[in-house]
């Protein structure tokens, strides 16, 4: 069962939550998949989403690649949610730590995900800690970028999104995001 650990209403009136649990169980309009540029969902969050969502997600991902080419940091792909409770899966490509310009690439992936959610007319979205798993992005640094990206996006864009959930699976990631939350939000 997923548990809300922290919740805050942003000045722009969206609710931001830190949730510990399984992103595939979130009943939201869209969940974000931490994807690779070819949308091959073989490990980590991507595997869990593809596994729980069923073969439709990989099939639609393959079709996306055939139609649009590889996915960039700035323009996430999207598919249906398949068998998931979410209507959509937004496939965001985060940076691999050590490839260069990682902070900007993570910012682009998060901002792009929120933009796609708005294009899909979503009112709720759940995001993982993009790039902090096998891509090696330092967790606390990612948390700070994630929080500031979300707040900046809503300050500068009219949005129909009402709820943003950061759904974190493992305890080290939860600890890093809670530590950064305390630094940013008291």
N, C-alpha and C. Protein backbone atom coordinates (compact mmCIF):
# COMPACT_ATOMS: atom_id res chain seq x y z
N UNK A 1 0.84 -1.20 0.00
CA UNK A 1 0.00 0.00 0.00
C UNK A 1 0.88 1.25 0.00
N UNK A 2 0.51 2.22 -0.81
CA UNK A 2 1.27 3.46 -0.90
C UNK A 2 0.89 4.40 0.24
N UNK A 3 1.90 5.09 0.76
CA UNK A 3 1.71 5.96 1.91
C UNK A 3 2.19 7.37 1.60
N UNK A 4 1.34 8.37 1.82
CA UNK A 4 1.74 9.77 1.67
C UNK A 4 2.58 10.15 2.88
N UNK A 5 3.83 10.56 2.64
CA UNK A 5 4.74 10.92 3.72
C UNK A 5 4.78 12.43 3.95
N UNK A 6 4.66 13.21 2.89
CA UNK A 6 4.66 14.68 2.97
C UNK A 6 3.68 15.21 1.94
N UNK A 7 3.10 16.38 2.27
CA UNK A 7 2.16 17.01 1.35
C UNK A 7 2.22 18.51 1.54
N UNK A 8 2.17 19.23 0.44
CA UNK A 8 2.24 20.69 0.50
C UNK A 8 1.41 21.25 -0.65
N UNK A 9 0.69 22.33 -0.38
CA UNK A 9 0.01 23.06 -1.44
C UNK A 9 0.95 24.16 -1.89
N UNK A 10 1.25 24.14 -3.18
CA UNK A 10 2.16 25.13 -3.75
C UNK A 10 1.45 26.48 -3.90
N UNK A 11 2.20 27.58 -4.01
CA UNK A 11 1.57 28.89 -4.20
C UNK A 11 0.65 28.94 -5.43
N UNK A 12 0.94 28.10 -6.42
CA UNK A 12 0.13 28.03 -7.64
C UNK A 12 -1.10 27.15 -7.47
N UNK A 13 -1.30 26.61 -6.27
CA UNK A 13 -2.49 25.85 -5.85
C UNK A 13 -2.46 24.36 -6.21
N UNK A 14 -1.34 23.85 -6.70
CA UNK A 14 -1.22 22.40 -6.90
C UNK A 14 -0.79 21.76 -5.59
N UNK A 15 -1.15 20.49 -5.43
CA UNK A 15 -0.73 19.72 -4.29
C UNK A 15 0.46 18.86 -4.70
N UNK A 16 1.55 18.97 -3.95
CA UNK A 16 2.75 18.17 -4.17
C UNK A 16 2.87 17.19 -3.02
N UNK A 17 3.05 15.92 -3.36
CA UNK A 17 3.14 14.88 -2.34
C UNK A 17 4.41 14.05 -2.54
N UNK A 18 4.97 13.59 -1.42
CA UNK A 18 5.97 12.53 -1.46
C UNK A 18 5.25 11.28 -0.96
N UNK A 19 5.28 10.25 -1.78
CA UNK A 19 4.58 9.00 -1.50
C UNK A 19 5.60 7.87 -1.53
N UNK A 20 5.54 7.00 -0.53
CA UNK A 20 6.38 5.81 -0.57
C UNK A 20 5.53 4.65 -1.03
N UNK A 21 6.00 3.94 -2.07
CA UNK A 21 5.25 2.80 -2.55
C UNK A 21 5.55 2.46 -3.99
N UNK A 22 4.57 1.87 -4.63
CA UNK A 22 4.67 1.32 -5.98
C UNK A 22 3.92 2.23 -6.95
N UNK A 23 4.64 2.85 -7.86
CA UNK A 23 4.03 3.80 -8.79
C UNK A 23 2.98 3.13 -9.68
N UNK A 24 3.11 1.83 -9.91
CA UNK A 24 2.15 1.13 -10.78
C UNK A 24 0.77 1.00 -10.13
N UNK A 25 0.67 1.30 -8.85
CA UNK A 25 -0.61 1.18 -8.14
C UNK A 25 -1.32 2.53 -7.99
N UNK A 26 -0.69 3.60 -8.44
CA UNK A 26 -1.27 4.93 -8.28
C UNK A 26 -2.46 5.14 -9.21
N UNK A 27 -3.57 5.59 -8.64
CA UNK A 27 -4.77 5.89 -9.41
C UNK A 27 -4.75 7.37 -9.78
N UNK A 28 -3.98 7.66 -10.83
CA UNK A 28 -3.80 9.02 -11.33
C UNK A 28 -4.04 9.00 -12.83
N UNK A 29 -4.15 10.17 -13.43
CA UNK A 29 -4.34 10.23 -14.88
C UNK A 29 -3.11 9.73 -15.62
N UNK A 30 -1.91 10.07 -15.13
CA UNK A 30 -0.68 9.65 -15.79
C UNK A 30 0.39 9.31 -14.77
N UNK A 31 1.19 8.30 -15.11
CA UNK A 31 2.41 8.04 -14.36
C UNK A 31 3.58 8.28 -15.30
N UNK A 32 4.70 8.66 -14.73
CA UNK A 32 5.91 8.88 -15.50
C UNK A 32 6.80 7.66 -15.37
N UNK A 33 7.28 7.21 -16.50
CA UNK A 33 8.22 6.11 -16.56
C UNK A 33 9.61 6.70 -16.77
N UNK A 34 10.56 6.27 -15.98
CA UNK A 34 11.96 6.65 -16.18
C UNK A 34 12.50 5.73 -17.28
N UNK A 35 12.47 6.23 -18.51
CA UNK A 35 12.72 5.41 -19.69
C UNK A 35 14.10 5.66 -20.29
N UNK A 36 14.49 4.76 -21.19
CA UNK A 36 15.66 5.01 -22.03
C UNK A 36 15.17 5.54 -23.37
N UNK A 37 16.07 6.08 -24.16
CA UNK A 37 15.67 6.79 -25.38
C UNK A 37 15.03 5.89 -26.44
N UNK A 38 15.20 4.59 -26.32
CA UNK A 38 14.61 3.66 -27.29
C UNK A 38 13.34 2.98 -26.75
N UNK A 39 12.93 3.38 -25.54
CA UNK A 39 11.72 2.84 -24.89
C UNK A 39 11.72 1.32 -24.79
N UNK A 40 12.88 0.78 -24.47
CA UNK A 40 12.99 -0.65 -24.17
C UNK A 40 12.93 -0.78 -22.65
N UNK A 41 11.83 -1.32 -22.15
CA UNK A 41 11.53 -1.28 -20.72
C UNK A 41 12.04 -2.53 -20.01
N UNK A 42 13.37 -2.65 -19.92
CA UNK A 42 13.96 -3.89 -19.43
C UNK A 42 14.35 -3.92 -17.97
N UNK A 43 14.43 -2.78 -17.29
CA UNK A 43 14.89 -2.81 -15.90
C UNK A 43 14.28 -1.71 -15.07
N UNK A 44 14.41 -1.83 -13.76
CA UNK A 44 13.99 -0.79 -12.82
C UNK A 44 12.52 -0.44 -12.92
N UNK A 45 12.22 0.86 -12.79
CA UNK A 45 10.85 1.36 -12.84
C UNK A 45 10.21 1.00 -14.19
N UNK A 46 10.98 1.13 -15.27
CA UNK A 46 10.44 0.84 -16.61
C UNK A 46 9.95 -0.60 -16.71
N UNK A 47 10.73 -1.54 -16.18
CA UNK A 47 10.32 -2.94 -16.22
C UNK A 47 9.04 -3.13 -15.40
N UNK A 48 8.99 -2.55 -14.20
CA UNK A 48 7.82 -2.70 -13.33
C UNK A 48 6.55 -2.17 -14.02
N UNK A 49 6.68 -1.00 -14.65
CA UNK A 49 5.53 -0.40 -15.32
C UNK A 49 5.09 -1.27 -16.50
N UNK A 50 6.05 -1.71 -17.30
CA UNK A 50 5.73 -2.54 -18.47
C UNK A 50 5.15 -3.89 -18.03
N UNK A 51 5.73 -4.46 -16.99
CA UNK A 51 5.26 -5.75 -16.48
C UNK A 51 3.82 -5.64 -15.96
N UNK A 52 3.55 -4.66 -15.11
CA UNK A 52 2.21 -4.50 -14.53
C UNK A 52 1.20 -3.99 -15.56
N UNK A 53 1.66 -3.18 -16.49
CA UNK A 53 0.75 -2.59 -17.48
C UNK A 53 0.41 -3.52 -18.63
N UNK A 54 1.22 -4.56 -18.81
CA UNK A 54 0.95 -5.52 -19.87
C UNK A 54 1.65 -5.18 -21.17
N UNK A 55 1.50 -6.06 -22.13
CA UNK A 55 2.23 -5.96 -23.40
C UNK A 55 1.86 -4.73 -24.22
N UNK A 56 0.71 -4.13 -23.98
CA UNK A 56 0.28 -2.95 -24.74
C UNK A 56 1.30 -1.82 -24.60
N UNK A 57 1.90 -1.66 -23.43
CA UNK A 57 2.83 -0.55 -23.21
C UNK A 57 4.07 -0.71 -24.08
N UNK A 58 4.66 -1.90 -24.13
CA UNK A 58 5.84 -2.08 -24.99
C UNK A 58 5.45 -2.00 -26.46
N UNK A 59 4.30 -2.54 -26.82
CA UNK A 59 3.84 -2.48 -28.22
C UNK A 59 3.66 -1.03 -28.67
N UNK A 60 3.00 -0.23 -27.83
CA UNK A 60 2.79 1.18 -28.15
C UNK A 60 4.11 1.95 -28.14
N UNK A 61 5.03 1.58 -27.26
CA UNK A 61 6.35 2.21 -27.21
C UNK A 61 7.11 1.93 -28.50
N UNK A 62 7.07 0.69 -28.96
CA UNK A 62 7.76 0.33 -30.21
C UNK A 62 7.17 1.12 -31.38
N UNK A 63 5.86 1.27 -31.39
CA UNK A 63 5.19 2.04 -32.45
C UNK A 63 5.62 3.51 -32.39
N UNK A 64 5.71 4.05 -31.17
CA UNK A 64 6.15 5.45 -31.00
C UNK A 64 7.54 5.65 -31.64
N UNK A 65 8.46 4.73 -31.34
CA UNK A 65 9.82 4.82 -31.86
C UNK A 65 9.81 4.74 -33.39
N UNK A 66 9.01 3.85 -33.95
CA UNK A 66 8.92 3.75 -35.42
C UNK A 66 8.39 5.04 -36.04
N UNK A 67 7.45 5.68 -35.36
CA UNK A 67 6.82 6.88 -35.91
C UNK A 67 7.61 8.16 -35.64
N UNK A 68 8.27 8.24 -34.46
CA UNK A 68 8.89 9.50 -34.04
C UNK A 68 10.40 9.44 -33.87
N UNK A 69 10.98 8.26 -33.85
CA UNK A 69 12.41 8.12 -33.58
C UNK A 69 12.68 8.08 -32.08
N UNK A 70 13.97 8.13 -31.73
CA UNK A 70 14.32 8.02 -30.31
C UNK A 70 13.78 9.22 -29.53
N UNK A 71 13.59 9.00 -28.24
CA UNK A 71 12.98 10.00 -27.36
C UNK A 71 14.07 10.87 -26.74
N UNK A 72 13.86 12.18 -26.74
CA UNK A 72 14.83 13.11 -26.17
C UNK A 72 14.46 13.46 -24.73
N UNK A 73 15.38 14.13 -24.05
CA UNK A 73 15.11 14.58 -22.68
C UNK A 73 13.96 15.58 -22.67
N UNK A 74 13.89 16.44 -23.68
CA UNK A 74 12.92 17.54 -23.68
C UNK A 74 11.52 17.15 -24.14
N UNK A 75 11.41 16.05 -24.89
CA UNK A 75 10.10 15.66 -25.45
C UNK A 75 9.78 14.21 -25.11
N UNK A 76 9.21 13.96 -23.92
CA UNK A 76 8.85 12.60 -23.55
C UNK A 76 7.81 12.01 -24.50
N UNK A 77 7.84 10.71 -24.62
CA UNK A 77 6.81 9.97 -25.37
C UNK A 77 5.67 9.65 -24.41
N UNK A 78 4.57 9.15 -24.95
CA UNK A 78 3.49 8.69 -24.07
C UNK A 78 2.75 7.54 -24.73
N UNK A 79 2.22 6.66 -23.87
CA UNK A 79 1.40 5.53 -24.31
C UNK A 79 0.19 5.45 -23.39
N UNK A 80 -0.68 4.52 -23.70
CA UNK A 80 -1.77 4.24 -22.77
C UNK A 80 -1.18 3.62 -21.51
N UNK A 81 -2.00 3.49 -20.49
CA UNK A 81 -1.58 2.84 -19.26
C UNK A 81 -1.74 1.33 -19.30
N UNK A 82 -2.25 0.80 -20.41
CA UNK A 82 -2.45 -0.65 -20.48
C UNK A 82 -3.35 -1.12 -19.35
N UNK A 83 -2.88 -2.07 -18.57
CA UNK A 83 -3.66 -2.62 -17.45
C UNK A 83 -3.48 -1.85 -16.14
N UNK A 84 -2.73 -0.76 -16.17
CA UNK A 84 -2.49 0.04 -14.96
C UNK A 84 -3.73 0.86 -14.63
N UNK A 85 -3.85 1.32 -13.37
CA UNK A 85 -4.96 2.22 -13.03
C UNK A 85 -4.83 3.59 -13.70
N UNK A 86 -3.62 3.97 -14.12
CA UNK A 86 -3.40 5.25 -14.80
C UNK A 86 -3.84 5.15 -16.26
N UNK A 87 -4.38 6.26 -16.78
CA UNK A 87 -4.79 6.30 -18.19
C UNK A 87 -3.59 6.29 -19.12
N UNK A 88 -2.53 7.02 -18.72
CA UNK A 88 -1.37 7.21 -19.59
C UNK A 88 -0.08 6.89 -18.85
N UNK A 89 0.93 6.52 -19.65
CA UNK A 89 2.30 6.45 -19.16
C UNK A 89 3.10 7.45 -20.00
N UNK A 90 3.74 8.39 -19.32
CA UNK A 90 4.61 9.37 -19.97
C UNK A 90 6.04 8.86 -19.80
N UNK A 91 6.71 8.63 -20.92
CA UNK A 91 8.04 8.01 -20.90
C UNK A 91 9.10 9.11 -20.99
N UNK A 92 9.66 9.47 -19.84
CA UNK A 92 10.66 10.53 -19.75
C UNK A 92 12.06 9.93 -19.75
N UNK A 93 12.93 10.50 -20.57
CA UNK A 93 14.31 10.04 -20.64
C UNK A 93 15.16 10.96 -19.77
N UNK A 94 15.61 10.43 -18.65
CA UNK A 94 16.48 11.19 -17.77
C UNK A 94 17.93 10.98 -18.15
N UNK A 95 18.81 11.78 -17.58
CA UNK A 95 20.23 11.69 -17.91
C UNK A 95 20.94 10.53 -17.21
N UNK A 96 21.97 10.04 -17.86
CA UNK A 96 22.88 9.08 -17.23
C UNK A 96 23.97 9.90 -16.56
N UNK A 97 24.19 9.67 -15.25
CA UNK A 97 25.19 10.43 -14.51
C UNK A 97 26.56 10.19 -15.15
N UNK A 98 27.26 11.29 -15.45
CA UNK A 98 28.57 11.19 -16.05
C UNK A 98 28.57 11.53 -17.54
N UNK A 99 27.39 11.65 -18.15
CA UNK A 99 27.30 11.97 -19.58
C UNK A 99 27.45 13.46 -19.87
N UNK A 100 27.39 14.31 -18.83
CA UNK A 100 27.51 15.75 -19.01
C UNK A 100 26.16 16.46 -19.03
N UNK A 101 26.15 17.67 -18.48
CA UNK A 101 24.96 18.54 -18.45
C UNK A 101 23.75 17.84 -17.82
N UNK A 102 24.01 17.02 -16.81
CA UNK A 102 22.97 16.19 -16.23
C UNK A 102 21.85 17.00 -15.57
N UNK A 103 22.19 18.10 -14.89
CA UNK A 103 21.16 18.90 -14.21
C UNK A 103 20.14 19.44 -15.23
N UNK A 104 20.63 19.98 -16.33
CA UNK A 104 19.73 20.52 -17.36
C UNK A 104 18.88 19.40 -17.98
N UNK A 105 19.49 18.25 -18.24
CA UNK A 105 18.76 17.13 -18.84
C UNK A 105 17.66 16.63 -17.90
N UNK A 106 17.94 16.59 -16.59
CA UNK A 106 16.91 16.17 -15.65
C UNK A 106 15.80 17.21 -15.59
N UNK A 107 16.17 18.48 -15.57
CA UNK A 107 15.17 19.56 -15.61
C UNK A 107 14.29 19.42 -16.84
N UNK A 108 14.90 19.17 -17.99
CA UNK A 108 14.15 19.01 -19.23
C UNK A 108 13.19 17.83 -19.16
N UNK A 109 13.63 16.71 -18.59
CA UNK A 109 12.79 15.51 -18.50
C UNK A 109 11.57 15.76 -17.61
N UNK A 110 11.79 16.43 -16.48
CA UNK A 110 10.68 16.70 -15.54
C UNK A 110 9.72 17.71 -16.15
N UNK A 111 10.25 18.82 -16.67
CA UNK A 111 9.41 19.84 -17.28
C UNK A 111 8.65 19.26 -18.47
N UNK A 112 9.33 18.47 -19.28
CA UNK A 112 8.68 17.83 -20.43
C UNK A 112 7.54 16.92 -20.01
N UNK A 113 7.73 16.19 -18.92
CA UNK A 113 6.68 15.29 -18.42
C UNK A 113 5.44 16.08 -17.99
N UNK A 114 5.67 17.18 -17.28
CA UNK A 114 4.54 18.01 -16.84
C UNK A 114 3.82 18.63 -18.05
N UNK A 115 4.59 19.05 -19.04
CA UNK A 115 4.01 19.62 -20.26
C UNK A 115 3.15 18.59 -21.00
N UNK A 116 3.66 17.36 -21.14
CA UNK A 116 2.89 16.31 -21.81
C UNK A 116 1.62 16.01 -21.02
N UNK A 117 1.71 15.97 -19.70
CA UNK A 117 0.52 15.75 -18.87
C UNK A 117 -0.53 16.83 -19.13
N UNK A 118 -0.08 18.07 -19.26
CA UNK A 118 -1.01 19.15 -19.59
C UNK A 118 -1.60 18.97 -20.99
N UNK A 119 -0.77 18.58 -21.96
CA UNK A 119 -1.26 18.34 -23.32
C UNK A 119 -2.31 17.23 -23.33
N UNK A 120 -2.15 16.23 -22.46
CA UNK A 120 -3.10 15.12 -22.36
C UNK A 120 -4.30 15.46 -21.47
N UNK A 121 -4.33 16.69 -20.95
CA UNK A 121 -5.40 17.19 -20.09
C UNK A 121 -5.55 16.37 -18.80
N UNK A 122 -4.42 16.04 -18.21
CA UNK A 122 -4.39 15.28 -16.96
C UNK A 122 -4.59 16.23 -15.78
N UNK A 123 -5.25 15.74 -14.73
CA UNK A 123 -5.36 16.53 -13.51
C UNK A 123 -4.46 15.98 -12.40
N UNK A 124 -3.91 14.77 -12.61
CA UNK A 124 -3.03 14.18 -11.60
C UNK A 124 -1.93 13.38 -12.30
N UNK A 125 -0.75 13.41 -11.67
CA UNK A 125 0.41 12.72 -12.23
C UNK A 125 1.25 12.15 -11.08
N UNK A 126 1.85 11.00 -11.32
CA UNK A 126 2.79 10.39 -10.37
C UNK A 126 4.12 10.22 -11.09
N UNK A 127 5.19 10.65 -10.43
CA UNK A 127 6.54 10.58 -11.02
C UNK A 127 7.47 9.81 -10.09
N UNK A 128 8.39 9.03 -10.67
CA UNK A 128 9.43 8.41 -9.84
C UNK A 128 10.59 9.39 -9.66
N UNK A 129 11.62 8.96 -9.00
CA UNK A 129 12.85 9.74 -8.86
C UNK A 129 13.68 9.47 -10.12
N UNK A 130 13.41 10.22 -11.18
CA UNK A 130 14.00 9.98 -12.50
C UNK A 130 15.53 10.01 -12.41
N UNK A 131 16.15 9.01 -13.01
CA UNK A 131 17.61 8.87 -13.17
C UNK A 131 18.37 8.48 -11.91
N UNK A 132 17.69 8.27 -10.78
CA UNK A 132 18.41 7.99 -9.54
C UNK A 132 18.69 6.51 -9.33
N UNK A 133 18.18 5.65 -10.20
CA UNK A 133 18.44 4.22 -10.09
C UNK A 133 19.68 3.84 -10.88
N UNK A 134 19.49 3.01 -11.90
CA UNK A 134 20.63 2.52 -12.68
C UNK A 134 21.35 3.62 -13.45
N UNK A 135 20.71 4.80 -13.64
CA UNK A 135 21.37 5.91 -14.33
C UNK A 135 22.30 6.68 -13.39
N UNK A 136 22.24 6.42 -12.08
CA UNK A 136 23.25 6.89 -11.13
C UNK A 136 23.21 8.34 -10.69
N UNK A 137 22.13 9.07 -10.98
CA UNK A 137 22.05 10.48 -10.57
C UNK A 137 21.99 10.54 -9.04
N UNK A 138 22.81 11.36 -8.38
CA UNK A 138 22.76 11.44 -6.91
C UNK A 138 21.35 11.82 -6.42
N UNK A 139 20.85 11.07 -5.47
CA UNK A 139 19.45 11.19 -5.04
C UNK A 139 19.09 12.56 -4.47
N UNK A 140 19.90 13.09 -3.55
CA UNK A 140 19.57 14.40 -2.96
C UNK A 140 19.62 15.51 -4.00
N UNK A 141 20.59 15.44 -4.88
CA UNK A 141 20.69 16.44 -5.94
C UNK A 141 19.45 16.36 -6.85
N UNK A 142 19.05 15.14 -7.20
CA UNK A 142 17.85 14.95 -8.02
C UNK A 142 16.61 15.48 -7.31
N UNK A 143 16.53 15.26 -6.00
CA UNK A 143 15.38 15.74 -5.23
C UNK A 143 15.28 17.26 -5.32
N UNK A 144 16.38 17.96 -5.12
CA UNK A 144 16.37 19.42 -5.18
C UNK A 144 15.95 19.93 -6.55
N UNK A 145 16.48 19.31 -7.60
CA UNK A 145 16.13 19.70 -8.96
C UNK A 145 14.65 19.40 -9.22
N UNK A 146 14.19 18.25 -8.78
CA UNK A 146 12.79 17.87 -8.99
C UNK A 146 11.84 18.86 -8.32
N UNK A 147 12.09 19.19 -7.06
CA UNK A 147 11.21 20.14 -6.36
C UNK A 147 11.21 21.50 -7.05
N UNK A 148 12.40 22.02 -7.39
CA UNK A 148 12.44 23.36 -7.98
C UNK A 148 11.83 23.36 -9.37
N UNK A 149 12.03 22.30 -10.13
CA UNK A 149 11.42 22.17 -11.48
C UNK A 149 9.91 22.23 -11.41
N UNK A 150 9.34 21.44 -10.52
CA UNK A 150 7.88 21.37 -10.39
C UNK A 150 7.33 22.73 -10.01
N UNK A 151 7.93 23.36 -8.99
CA UNK A 151 7.44 24.66 -8.54
C UNK A 151 7.58 25.71 -9.64
N UNK A 152 8.71 25.69 -10.35
CA UNK A 152 8.94 26.67 -11.41
C UNK A 152 7.96 26.46 -12.58
N UNK A 153 7.70 25.20 -12.91
CA UNK A 153 6.76 24.92 -14.00
C UNK A 153 5.39 25.53 -13.70
N UNK A 154 4.90 25.33 -12.49
CA UNK A 154 3.57 25.83 -12.15
C UNK A 154 3.54 27.35 -11.98
N UNK A 155 4.65 27.94 -11.57
CA UNK A 155 4.72 29.40 -11.49
C UNK A 155 4.60 30.04 -12.86
N UNK A 156 5.14 29.37 -13.88
CA UNK A 156 5.28 29.96 -15.20
C UNK A 156 4.30 29.45 -16.26
N UNK A 157 3.46 28.48 -15.90
CA UNK A 157 2.55 27.88 -16.88
C UNK A 157 1.16 27.72 -16.29
N UNK A 158 0.16 28.08 -17.06
CA UNK A 158 -1.20 27.72 -16.65
C UNK A 158 -1.31 26.21 -16.79
N UNK A 159 -1.85 25.54 -15.79
CA UNK A 159 -1.87 24.08 -15.81
C UNK A 159 -3.17 23.56 -15.24
N UNK A 160 -3.64 22.48 -15.82
CA UNK A 160 -4.82 21.79 -15.30
C UNK A 160 -4.44 20.73 -14.27
N UNK A 161 -3.15 20.50 -14.10
CA UNK A 161 -2.71 19.53 -13.09
C UNK A 161 -3.04 20.06 -11.70
N UNK A 162 -3.58 19.20 -10.87
CA UNK A 162 -3.91 19.58 -9.50
C UNK A 162 -3.05 18.85 -8.48
N UNK A 163 -2.65 17.61 -8.82
CA UNK A 163 -1.89 16.79 -7.88
C UNK A 163 -0.66 16.23 -8.58
N UNK A 164 0.51 16.43 -7.96
CA UNK A 164 1.76 15.83 -8.41
C UNK A 164 2.27 14.97 -7.26
N UNK A 165 2.42 13.68 -7.55
CA UNK A 165 2.92 12.74 -6.55
C UNK A 165 4.31 12.28 -6.96
N UNK A 166 5.26 12.41 -6.05
CA UNK A 166 6.58 11.83 -6.26
C UNK A 166 6.55 10.49 -5.54
N UNK A 167 6.48 9.42 -6.31
CA UNK A 167 6.30 8.09 -5.74
C UNK A 167 7.66 7.40 -5.72
N UNK A 168 8.13 7.14 -4.51
CA UNK A 168 9.48 6.63 -4.29
C UNK A 168 9.39 5.23 -3.69
N UNK A 169 10.20 4.33 -4.21
CA UNK A 169 10.07 2.93 -3.85
C UNK A 169 10.97 2.52 -2.69
N UNK A 170 12.26 2.84 -2.80
CA UNK A 170 13.20 2.32 -1.81
C UNK A 170 13.52 3.35 -0.73
N UNK A 171 13.92 2.87 0.44
CA UNK A 171 14.16 3.74 1.59
C UNK A 171 15.27 4.77 1.37
N UNK A 172 16.40 4.43 0.73
CA UNK A 172 17.42 5.46 0.52
C UNK A 172 16.91 6.64 -0.33
N UNK A 173 16.06 6.36 -1.31
CA UNK A 173 15.50 7.43 -2.13
C UNK A 173 14.51 8.26 -1.32
N UNK A 174 13.67 7.59 -0.55
CA UNK A 174 12.73 8.29 0.33
C UNK A 174 13.50 9.20 1.28
N UNK A 175 14.54 8.68 1.91
CA UNK A 175 15.33 9.47 2.87
C UNK A 175 15.94 10.71 2.21
N UNK A 176 16.48 10.54 1.00
CA UNK A 176 17.10 11.67 0.29
C UNK A 176 16.06 12.74 -0.05
N UNK A 177 14.89 12.32 -0.52
CA UNK A 177 13.85 13.29 -0.90
C UNK A 177 13.27 13.98 0.34
N UNK A 178 13.10 13.24 1.43
CA UNK A 178 12.59 13.86 2.67
C UNK A 178 13.61 14.87 3.21
N UNK A 179 14.90 14.52 3.17
CA UNK A 179 15.94 15.44 3.64
C UNK A 179 15.90 16.74 2.82
N UNK A 180 15.80 16.61 1.50
CA UNK A 180 15.75 17.80 0.64
C UNK A 180 14.45 18.57 0.86
N UNK A 181 13.35 17.88 1.07
CA UNK A 181 12.05 18.52 1.36
C UNK A 181 12.17 19.40 2.59
N UNK A 182 12.80 18.86 3.64
CA UNK A 182 12.97 19.64 4.89
C UNK A 182 13.81 20.89 4.62
N UNK A 183 14.83 20.77 3.78
CA UNK A 183 15.69 21.92 3.47
C UNK A 183 14.91 22.97 2.66
N UNK A 184 14.07 22.49 1.74
CA UNK A 184 13.33 23.41 0.85
C UNK A 184 12.04 23.94 1.46
N UNK A 185 11.36 23.09 2.25
CA UNK A 185 10.01 23.42 2.70
C UNK A 185 9.84 23.47 4.21
N UNK A 186 10.91 23.26 4.93
CA UNK A 186 10.83 23.33 6.38
C UNK A 186 10.18 22.16 7.05
